[in-house]
N, C-alpha and C. Protein backbone atom coordinates (compact mmCIF):
# COMPACT_ATOMS: atom_id res chain seq x y z
N MET A 1 14.83 13.32 5.56
CA MET A 1 14.44 11.97 5.18
C MET A 1 13.52 12.04 3.96
N GLU A 2 13.73 11.14 3.03
CA GLU A 2 12.91 11.08 1.82
C GLU A 2 11.55 10.48 2.17
N SER A 3 10.53 10.89 1.43
CA SER A 3 9.22 10.27 1.57
C SER A 3 8.45 10.49 0.29
N CYS A 4 7.39 9.72 0.11
CA CYS A 4 6.55 9.87 -1.06
C CYS A 4 5.14 9.43 -0.72
N ARG A 5 4.23 9.76 -1.60
CA ARG A 5 2.84 9.33 -1.46
C ARG A 5 2.45 8.58 -2.72
N ILE A 6 1.76 7.47 -2.54
CA ILE A 6 1.33 6.64 -3.65
C ILE A 6 -0.19 6.47 -3.55
N LYS A 7 -0.88 6.70 -4.67
CA LYS A 7 -2.32 6.44 -4.72
C LYS A 7 -2.53 4.96 -4.98
N ILE A 8 -3.42 4.36 -4.18
CA ILE A 8 -3.63 2.92 -4.23
C ILE A 8 -5.12 2.61 -4.32
N THR A 9 -5.45 1.59 -5.11
CA THR A 9 -6.78 0.99 -5.08
C THR A 9 -6.62 -0.35 -4.40
N ALA A 10 -7.25 -0.50 -3.24
CA ALA A 10 -7.13 -1.72 -2.45
C ALA A 10 -8.33 -2.62 -2.70
N VAL A 11 -8.07 -3.91 -2.87
CA VAL A 11 -9.13 -4.90 -3.06
C VAL A 11 -9.06 -5.87 -1.89
N PRO A 12 -9.97 -5.72 -0.90
CA PRO A 12 -9.93 -6.59 0.28
C PRO A 12 -10.47 -8.00 -0.02
N ASN A 13 -10.29 -8.89 0.93
CA ASN A 13 -10.80 -10.27 0.87
C ASN A 13 -10.18 -11.10 -0.25
N ALA A 14 -8.97 -10.79 -0.64
CA ALA A 14 -8.28 -11.57 -1.68
C ALA A 14 -7.69 -12.83 -1.05
N PRO A 15 -7.45 -13.88 -1.85
CA PRO A 15 -6.85 -15.10 -1.32
C PRO A 15 -5.46 -14.87 -0.72
N SER A 16 -4.73 -13.89 -1.29
CA SER A 16 -3.42 -13.53 -0.74
C SER A 16 -3.15 -12.07 -1.08
N SER A 17 -2.25 -11.46 -0.33
CA SER A 17 -1.89 -10.06 -0.59
C SER A 17 -0.87 -10.03 -1.72
N GLU A 18 -1.13 -9.17 -2.71
CA GLU A 18 -0.20 -9.06 -3.83
C GLU A 18 -0.41 -7.74 -4.57
N VAL A 19 0.68 -7.27 -5.17
CA VAL A 19 0.63 -6.09 -6.02
C VAL A 19 0.19 -6.56 -7.40
N VAL A 20 -0.90 -5.98 -7.91
CA VAL A 20 -1.43 -6.38 -9.22
C VAL A 20 -0.77 -5.57 -10.33
N GLY A 21 -0.67 -4.26 -10.14
CA GLY A 21 -0.07 -3.40 -11.15
C GLY A 21 -0.78 -2.06 -11.20
N TRP A 22 -0.49 -1.28 -12.22
CA TRP A 22 -1.04 0.07 -12.33
C TRP A 22 -2.41 0.07 -12.98
N LEU A 23 -3.30 0.87 -12.43
CA LEU A 23 -4.61 1.19 -13.01
C LEU A 23 -4.59 2.69 -13.22
N GLY A 24 -4.11 3.15 -14.34
CA GLY A 24 -3.94 4.58 -14.55
C GLY A 24 -2.86 5.09 -13.62
N GLU A 25 -3.23 6.04 -12.77
CA GLU A 25 -2.25 6.60 -11.82
C GLU A 25 -2.28 5.91 -10.47
N ARG A 26 -3.14 4.93 -10.30
CA ARG A 26 -3.27 4.21 -9.03
C ARG A 26 -2.62 2.83 -9.11
N LEU A 27 -2.05 2.42 -8.00
CA LEU A 27 -1.46 1.09 -7.89
C LEU A 27 -2.52 0.16 -7.29
N LYS A 28 -2.85 -0.92 -7.98
CA LYS A 28 -3.86 -1.87 -7.49
C LYS A 28 -3.16 -2.93 -6.66
N ILE A 29 -3.67 -3.11 -5.43
CA ILE A 29 -3.11 -4.11 -4.52
C ILE A 29 -4.24 -4.94 -3.93
N LYS A 30 -4.12 -6.26 -4.04
CA LYS A 30 -5.08 -7.17 -3.42
C LYS A 30 -4.62 -7.40 -1.98
N ILE A 31 -5.59 -7.40 -1.05
CA ILE A 31 -5.27 -7.53 0.37
C ILE A 31 -5.97 -8.75 0.95
N HIS A 32 -5.20 -9.58 1.65
CA HIS A 32 -5.73 -10.79 2.29
C HIS A 32 -6.23 -10.44 3.69
N ALA A 33 -7.30 -9.63 3.73
CA ALA A 33 -7.93 -9.25 4.99
C ALA A 33 -9.30 -8.67 4.66
N PRO A 34 -10.25 -8.83 5.56
CA PRO A 34 -11.58 -8.25 5.32
C PRO A 34 -11.58 -6.74 5.55
N ALA A 35 -12.51 -6.07 4.91
CA ALA A 35 -12.66 -4.62 5.08
C ALA A 35 -13.51 -4.33 6.31
N LEU A 36 -13.10 -4.85 7.44
CA LEU A 36 -13.82 -4.66 8.69
C LEU A 36 -12.88 -4.12 9.75
N GLU A 37 -13.33 -3.10 10.46
CA GLU A 37 -12.60 -2.56 11.62
C GLU A 37 -11.15 -2.22 11.30
N GLY A 38 -10.87 -1.79 10.07
CA GLY A 38 -9.53 -1.37 9.71
C GLY A 38 -8.54 -2.49 9.45
N LYS A 39 -9.01 -3.73 9.42
CA LYS A 39 -8.09 -4.87 9.22
C LYS A 39 -7.41 -4.82 7.86
N ALA A 40 -8.16 -4.46 6.82
CA ALA A 40 -7.56 -4.38 5.48
C ALA A 40 -6.53 -3.25 5.42
N ASN A 41 -6.81 -2.13 6.08
CA ASN A 41 -5.85 -1.02 6.10
C ASN A 41 -4.57 -1.43 6.81
N GLN A 42 -4.70 -2.12 7.93
CA GLN A 42 -3.52 -2.59 8.67
C GLN A 42 -2.71 -3.57 7.83
N GLU A 43 -3.39 -4.48 7.16
CA GLU A 43 -2.71 -5.47 6.32
C GLU A 43 -2.04 -4.80 5.13
N LEU A 44 -2.70 -3.79 4.56
CA LEU A 44 -2.11 -3.06 3.43
C LEU A 44 -0.78 -2.43 3.85
N CYS A 45 -0.77 -1.73 4.97
CA CYS A 45 0.46 -1.07 5.44
C CYS A 45 1.54 -2.09 5.80
N SER A 46 1.14 -3.17 6.47
CA SER A 46 2.10 -4.21 6.83
C SER A 46 2.68 -4.89 5.59
N PHE A 47 1.81 -5.20 4.62
CA PHE A 47 2.25 -5.84 3.38
C PHE A 47 3.22 -4.95 2.62
N LEU A 48 2.89 -3.66 2.50
CA LEU A 48 3.79 -2.74 1.79
C LEU A 48 5.12 -2.60 2.52
N ALA A 49 5.09 -2.49 3.84
CA ALA A 49 6.35 -2.36 4.61
C ALA A 49 7.23 -3.59 4.39
N LYS A 50 6.62 -4.77 4.46
CA LYS A 50 7.39 -6.01 4.27
C LYS A 50 7.93 -6.10 2.84
N THR A 51 7.09 -5.79 1.86
CA THR A 51 7.49 -5.87 0.46
C THR A 51 8.59 -4.87 0.12
N LEU A 52 8.51 -3.68 0.72
CA LEU A 52 9.48 -2.62 0.45
C LEU A 52 10.70 -2.70 1.37
N VAL A 53 10.72 -3.67 2.28
CA VAL A 53 11.80 -3.86 3.25
C VAL A 53 11.99 -2.59 4.08
N LEU A 54 10.90 -2.19 4.72
CA LEU A 54 10.90 -1.02 5.60
C LEU A 54 10.25 -1.38 6.93
N PRO A 55 10.59 -0.66 8.01
CA PRO A 55 9.87 -0.86 9.26
C PRO A 55 8.40 -0.46 9.08
N LYS A 56 7.50 -1.12 9.82
CA LYS A 56 6.07 -0.83 9.69
C LYS A 56 5.74 0.64 9.93
N ARG A 57 6.49 1.29 10.80
CA ARG A 57 6.21 2.70 11.12
C ARG A 57 6.44 3.64 9.93
N CYS A 58 7.13 3.17 8.90
CA CYS A 58 7.43 4.00 7.73
C CYS A 58 6.32 4.01 6.68
N VAL A 59 5.30 3.18 6.87
CA VAL A 59 4.20 3.11 5.90
C VAL A 59 2.90 3.39 6.64
N ARG A 60 2.18 4.43 6.21
CA ARG A 60 0.93 4.77 6.88
C ARG A 60 -0.09 5.31 5.89
N LEU A 61 -1.33 5.18 6.28
CA LEU A 61 -2.44 5.66 5.47
C LEU A 61 -2.61 7.16 5.68
N ALA A 62 -2.55 7.94 4.60
CA ALA A 62 -2.75 9.38 4.70
C ALA A 62 -4.21 9.75 4.45
N LYS A 63 -4.88 9.01 3.55
CA LYS A 63 -6.30 9.25 3.23
C LYS A 63 -6.94 7.95 2.81
N GLY A 64 -8.26 7.87 3.00
CA GLY A 64 -9.02 6.75 2.48
C GLY A 64 -9.31 5.64 3.46
N ASP A 65 -9.51 5.96 4.73
CA ASP A 65 -9.78 4.93 5.75
C ASP A 65 -10.90 3.98 5.35
N THR A 66 -11.99 4.53 4.79
CA THR A 66 -13.16 3.71 4.50
C THR A 66 -13.42 3.55 3.01
N SER A 67 -12.45 3.89 2.19
CA SER A 67 -12.60 3.82 0.74
C SER A 67 -11.61 2.81 0.16
N ARG A 68 -11.91 2.29 -1.02
CA ARG A 68 -10.93 1.43 -1.71
C ARG A 68 -9.79 2.27 -2.26
N ASN A 69 -10.08 3.53 -2.54
CA ASN A 69 -9.05 4.44 -3.05
C ASN A 69 -8.34 5.09 -1.87
N LYS A 70 -7.06 4.85 -1.78
CA LYS A 70 -6.28 5.29 -0.62
C LYS A 70 -5.06 6.08 -1.05
N LEU A 71 -4.54 6.85 -0.13
CA LEU A 71 -3.28 7.55 -0.33
C LEU A 71 -2.36 7.08 0.79
N VAL A 72 -1.27 6.42 0.40
CA VAL A 72 -0.33 5.87 1.38
C VAL A 72 0.94 6.70 1.38
N GLU A 73 1.39 7.06 2.57
CA GLU A 73 2.64 7.81 2.72
C GLU A 73 3.74 6.84 3.14
N ILE A 74 4.86 6.92 2.44
CA ILE A 74 5.98 6.01 2.68
C ILE A 74 7.22 6.84 2.99
N ASP A 75 7.78 6.67 4.19
CA ASP A 75 8.99 7.37 4.60
C ASP A 75 10.22 6.53 4.26
N GLY A 76 11.29 7.21 3.85
CA GLY A 76 12.56 6.54 3.62
C GLY A 76 12.83 6.17 2.17
N LEU A 77 11.83 6.33 1.29
CA LEU A 77 12.01 6.00 -0.11
C LEU A 77 11.39 7.08 -1.00
N THR A 78 11.95 7.25 -2.17
CA THR A 78 11.33 8.13 -3.17
C THR A 78 10.32 7.30 -3.96
N ARG A 79 9.50 7.95 -4.75
CA ARG A 79 8.53 7.25 -5.60
C ARG A 79 9.26 6.27 -6.53
N GLY A 80 10.38 6.70 -7.09
CA GLY A 80 11.17 5.83 -7.96
C GLY A 80 11.68 4.60 -7.23
N ASP A 81 12.12 4.77 -5.98
CA ASP A 81 12.58 3.64 -5.17
C ASP A 81 11.45 2.63 -4.94
N VAL A 82 10.25 3.15 -4.65
CA VAL A 82 9.10 2.28 -4.40
C VAL A 82 8.78 1.48 -5.65
N ILE A 83 8.73 2.14 -6.79
CA ILE A 83 8.42 1.46 -8.05
C ILE A 83 9.47 0.39 -8.35
N GLU A 84 10.74 0.73 -8.11
CA GLU A 84 11.82 -0.24 -8.35
C GLU A 84 11.70 -1.45 -7.42
N ARG A 85 11.47 -1.22 -6.13
CA ARG A 85 11.38 -2.34 -5.18
C ARG A 85 10.16 -3.22 -5.42
N LEU A 86 9.10 -2.63 -5.96
CA LEU A 86 7.91 -3.42 -6.27
C LEU A 86 8.05 -4.13 -7.62
N GLY A 87 9.10 -3.83 -8.35
CA GLY A 87 9.35 -4.46 -9.64
C GLY A 87 8.38 -4.02 -10.72
N LEU A 88 7.96 -2.75 -10.65
CA LEU A 88 6.97 -2.26 -11.63
C LEU A 88 7.64 -1.44 -12.69
């Protein structure tokens, strides 16, 4: 099975969840959830799974539980597939 890892800068407490674009090598994503008790992390994974049309189990946090800078692992897609589906 294909998989990839994407470096992400997450911005919690946004009015809505959306992909902003690239900040150097990191993908900036606004998250409509507070950075409390892992809610923003859960919303980030759910938002990416929905946007990439994948089951929730295919998107998980590999690093960065308590940081804005995260490493997300995505099963079932290559890095090129992710970039294409996000329209970047």
